[in-house]
């Protein structure tokens, strides 16, 4: 457990897979920074393994993944499995992209955090992360 009163919340943001559309991820990263959250931006074409490894190295509170490629039902479970294998039970995995309500429900059942779709309020995203960290870290 980290003592949140002694440091900023740290969030890793990245794009996993071949999807090259990073505008949404950059908007979220900027909104989080504006809210006083420290953001590590991993950028494009990450792998589940590289995201989990970066999260460990950077000692983050949360991992945010943007997926617009339609591969969310493969990528999120793979990242979650790697996190579980590394004992990262107190790190939030959340994301965003073009994700149907049925897929969102299935991923949340697997232990993935909130999944934000286009048009989601950045204030809601910031508040979700802050609330999750205050309860779980």
Protein backbone atom coordinates (compact mmCIF):
# COMPACT_ATOMS: atom_id res chain seq x y z
CA UNK A 1 0.00 0.00 0.00
CA UNK A 2 1.21 3.43 -0.90
CA UNK A 3 0.70 6.41 1.32
CA UNK A 4 -1.21 8.70 -1.05
CA UNK A 5 -0.80 11.72 1.19
CA UNK A 6 2.93 11.72 0.50
CA UNK A 7 2.82 11.57 -3.30
CA UNK A 8 0.71 12.26 -6.33
CA UNK A 9 -1.43 9.61 -7.94
CA UNK A 10 0.53 8.03 -10.80
CA UNK A 11 -1.19 6.73 -13.93
CA UNK A 12 0.32 4.95 -16.94
CA UNK A 13 -1.53 5.70 -20.20
CA UNK A 14 -0.85 3.85 -23.43
CA UNK A 15 -2.12 2.34 -26.64
CA UNK A 16 -1.81 -1.43 -26.96
CA UNK A 17 -1.68 -3.11 -30.34
CA UNK A 18 -1.40 -1.68 -33.82
CA UNK A 19 -4.07 0.99 -33.44
CA UNK A 20 -2.37 4.29 -34.25
CA UNK A 21 -5.12 6.66 -33.13
CA UNK A 22 -3.85 8.27 -29.94
CA UNK A 23 -5.78 11.52 -29.78
CA UNK A 24 -8.18 10.28 -27.09
CA UNK A 25 -5.34 8.87 -24.98
CA UNK A 26 -3.52 12.21 -25.19
CA UNK A 27 -6.68 14.12 -24.20
CA UNK A 28 -7.11 11.88 -21.15
CA UNK A 29 -3.42 12.20 -20.23
CA UNK A 30 -3.70 15.99 -20.43
CA UNK A 31 -6.89 16.06 -18.33
CA UNK A 32 -5.30 13.86 -15.68
CA UNK A 33 -2.22 16.11 -15.55
CA UNK A 34 -4.44 19.19 -15.27
CA UNK A 35 -6.12 17.50 -12.27
CA UNK A 36 -2.77 17.08 -10.49
CA UNK A 37 -2.24 13.42 -11.40
CA UNK A 38 1.20 12.35 -12.54
CA UNK A 39 0.96 10.73 -15.98
CA UNK A 40 3.48 8.44 -17.63
CA UNK A 41 2.56 8.32 -21.32
CA UNK A 42 3.76 5.06 -22.90
CA UNK A 43 2.60 6.01 -26.37
CA UNK A 44 1.62 3.89 -29.34
CA UNK A 45 2.02 0.22 -30.20
CA UNK A 46 2.64 -1.13 -26.72
CA UNK A 47 2.21 -4.78 -25.82
CA UNK A 48 0.37 -6.05 -22.74
CA UNK A 49 3.78 -7.12 -21.40
CA UNK A 50 5.39 -3.71 -21.97
CA UNK A 51 2.50 -1.92 -20.25
CA UNK A 52 2.64 -4.16 -17.17
CA UNK A 53 6.43 -3.90 -16.99
CA UNK A 54 6.29 -0.10 -17.27
CA UNK A 55 3.59 0.00 -14.58
CA UNK A 56 5.84 -1.96 -12.22
CA UNK A 57 8.90 0.16 -12.98
CA UNK A 58 6.97 3.41 -12.55
CA UNK A 59 5.08 2.22 -9.41
CA UNK A 60 1.75 3.42 -10.77
CA UNK A 61 -1.62 3.40 -9.10
CA UNK A 62 -3.48 2.81 -12.36
CA UNK A 63 -3.01 1.67 -15.95
CA UNK A 64 -5.20 3.29 -18.59
CA UNK A 65 -5.40 1.65 -22.01
CA UNK A 66 -7.04 3.12 -25.08
CA UNK A 67 -8.23 0.60 -27.67
CA UNK A 68 -10.05 1.55 -30.85
CA UNK A 69 -9.04 -1.49 -32.88
CA UNK A 70 -11.76 -3.82 -31.62
CA UNK A 71 -9.23 -6.04 -29.82
CA UNK A 72 -10.43 -5.07 -26.32
CA UNK A 73 -11.78 -8.56 -25.53
CA UNK A 74 -8.27 -9.95 -26.02
CA UNK A 75 -6.05 -7.12 -24.78
CA UNK A 76 -7.74 -6.21 -21.48
CA UNK A 77 -7.94 -9.83 -20.22
CA UNK A 78 -4.29 -10.40 -21.18
CA UNK A 79 -3.12 -7.30 -19.29
CA UNK A 80 -5.27 -8.28 -16.28
CA UNK A 81 -3.82 -11.81 -16.29
CA UNK A 82 -0.26 -10.43 -16.37
CA UNK A 83 -1.09 -8.02 -13.55
CA UNK A 84 -2.54 -10.84 -11.45
CA UNK A 85 0.54 -12.99 -12.10
CA UNK A 86 2.75 -10.11 -10.87
CA UNK A 87 0.63 -9.57 -7.76
CA UNK A 88 -0.61 -6.17 -8.89
CA UNK A 89 -3.94 -6.52 -7.10
CA UNK A 90 -3.90 -2.92 -5.88
CA UNK A 91 -3.40 -1.35 -9.32
CA UNK A 92 -6.44 -0.22 -11.30
CA UNK A 93 -6.75 -1.31 -14.94
CA UNK A 94 -9.20 0.94 -16.77
CA UNK A 95 -9.59 2.05 -20.33
CA UNK A 96 -11.53 3.47 -23.16
CA UNK A 97 -12.44 3.10 -26.76
CA UNK A 98 -15.19 1.79 -28.96
CA UNK A 99 -16.58 -0.90 -26.64
CA UNK A 100 -20.15 -2.22 -26.65
CA UNK A 101 -22.18 -2.33 -23.44
CA UNK A 102 -22.19 -6.15 -23.56
CA UNK A 103 -18.39 -6.26 -23.87
CA UNK A 104 -18.01 -3.66 -21.09
CA UNK A 105 -20.09 -5.83 -18.75
CA UNK A 106 -18.05 -8.92 -19.60
CA UNK A 107 -14.72 -7.14 -19.04
CA UNK A 108 -15.87 -5.64 -15.74
CA UNK A 109 -16.82 -9.17 -14.59
CA UNK A 110 -13.17 -10.13 -15.27
CA UNK A 111 -11.96 -7.41 -12.89
CA UNK A 112 -11.29 -4.64 -15.38
CA UNK A 113 -12.21 -1.20 -14.08
CA UNK A 114 -14.43 1.32 -15.79
CA UNK A 115 -14.32 1.48 -19.59
CA UNK A 116 -15.04 4.91 -21.00
CA UNK A 117 -16.45 5.37 -24.48
CA UNK A 118 -16.15 8.39 -26.80
CA UNK A 119 -17.83 11.44 -25.32
CA UNK A 120 -17.12 10.45 -21.71
CA UNK A 121 -16.50 13.42 -19.43
CA UNK A 122 -12.87 13.93 -18.49
CA UNK A 123 -14.11 15.12 -15.09
CA UNK A 124 -15.86 11.77 -14.59
CA UNK A 125 -12.64 9.94 -15.55
CA UNK A 126 -10.52 12.01 -13.16
CA UNK A 127 -13.02 11.54 -10.32
CA UNK A 128 -13.26 7.79 -10.97
CA UNK A 129 -9.47 7.38 -10.72
CA UNK A 130 -9.16 9.58 -7.62
CA UNK A 131 -12.00 7.75 -5.88
CA UNK A 132 -10.68 4.30 -6.78
CA UNK A 133 -7.19 5.15 -5.52
CA UNK A 134 -8.50 6.67 -2.28
CA UNK A 135 -10.43 3.45 -1.53
CA UNK A 136 -7.98 0.83 -2.84
CA UNK A 137 -4.48 2.20 -2.33
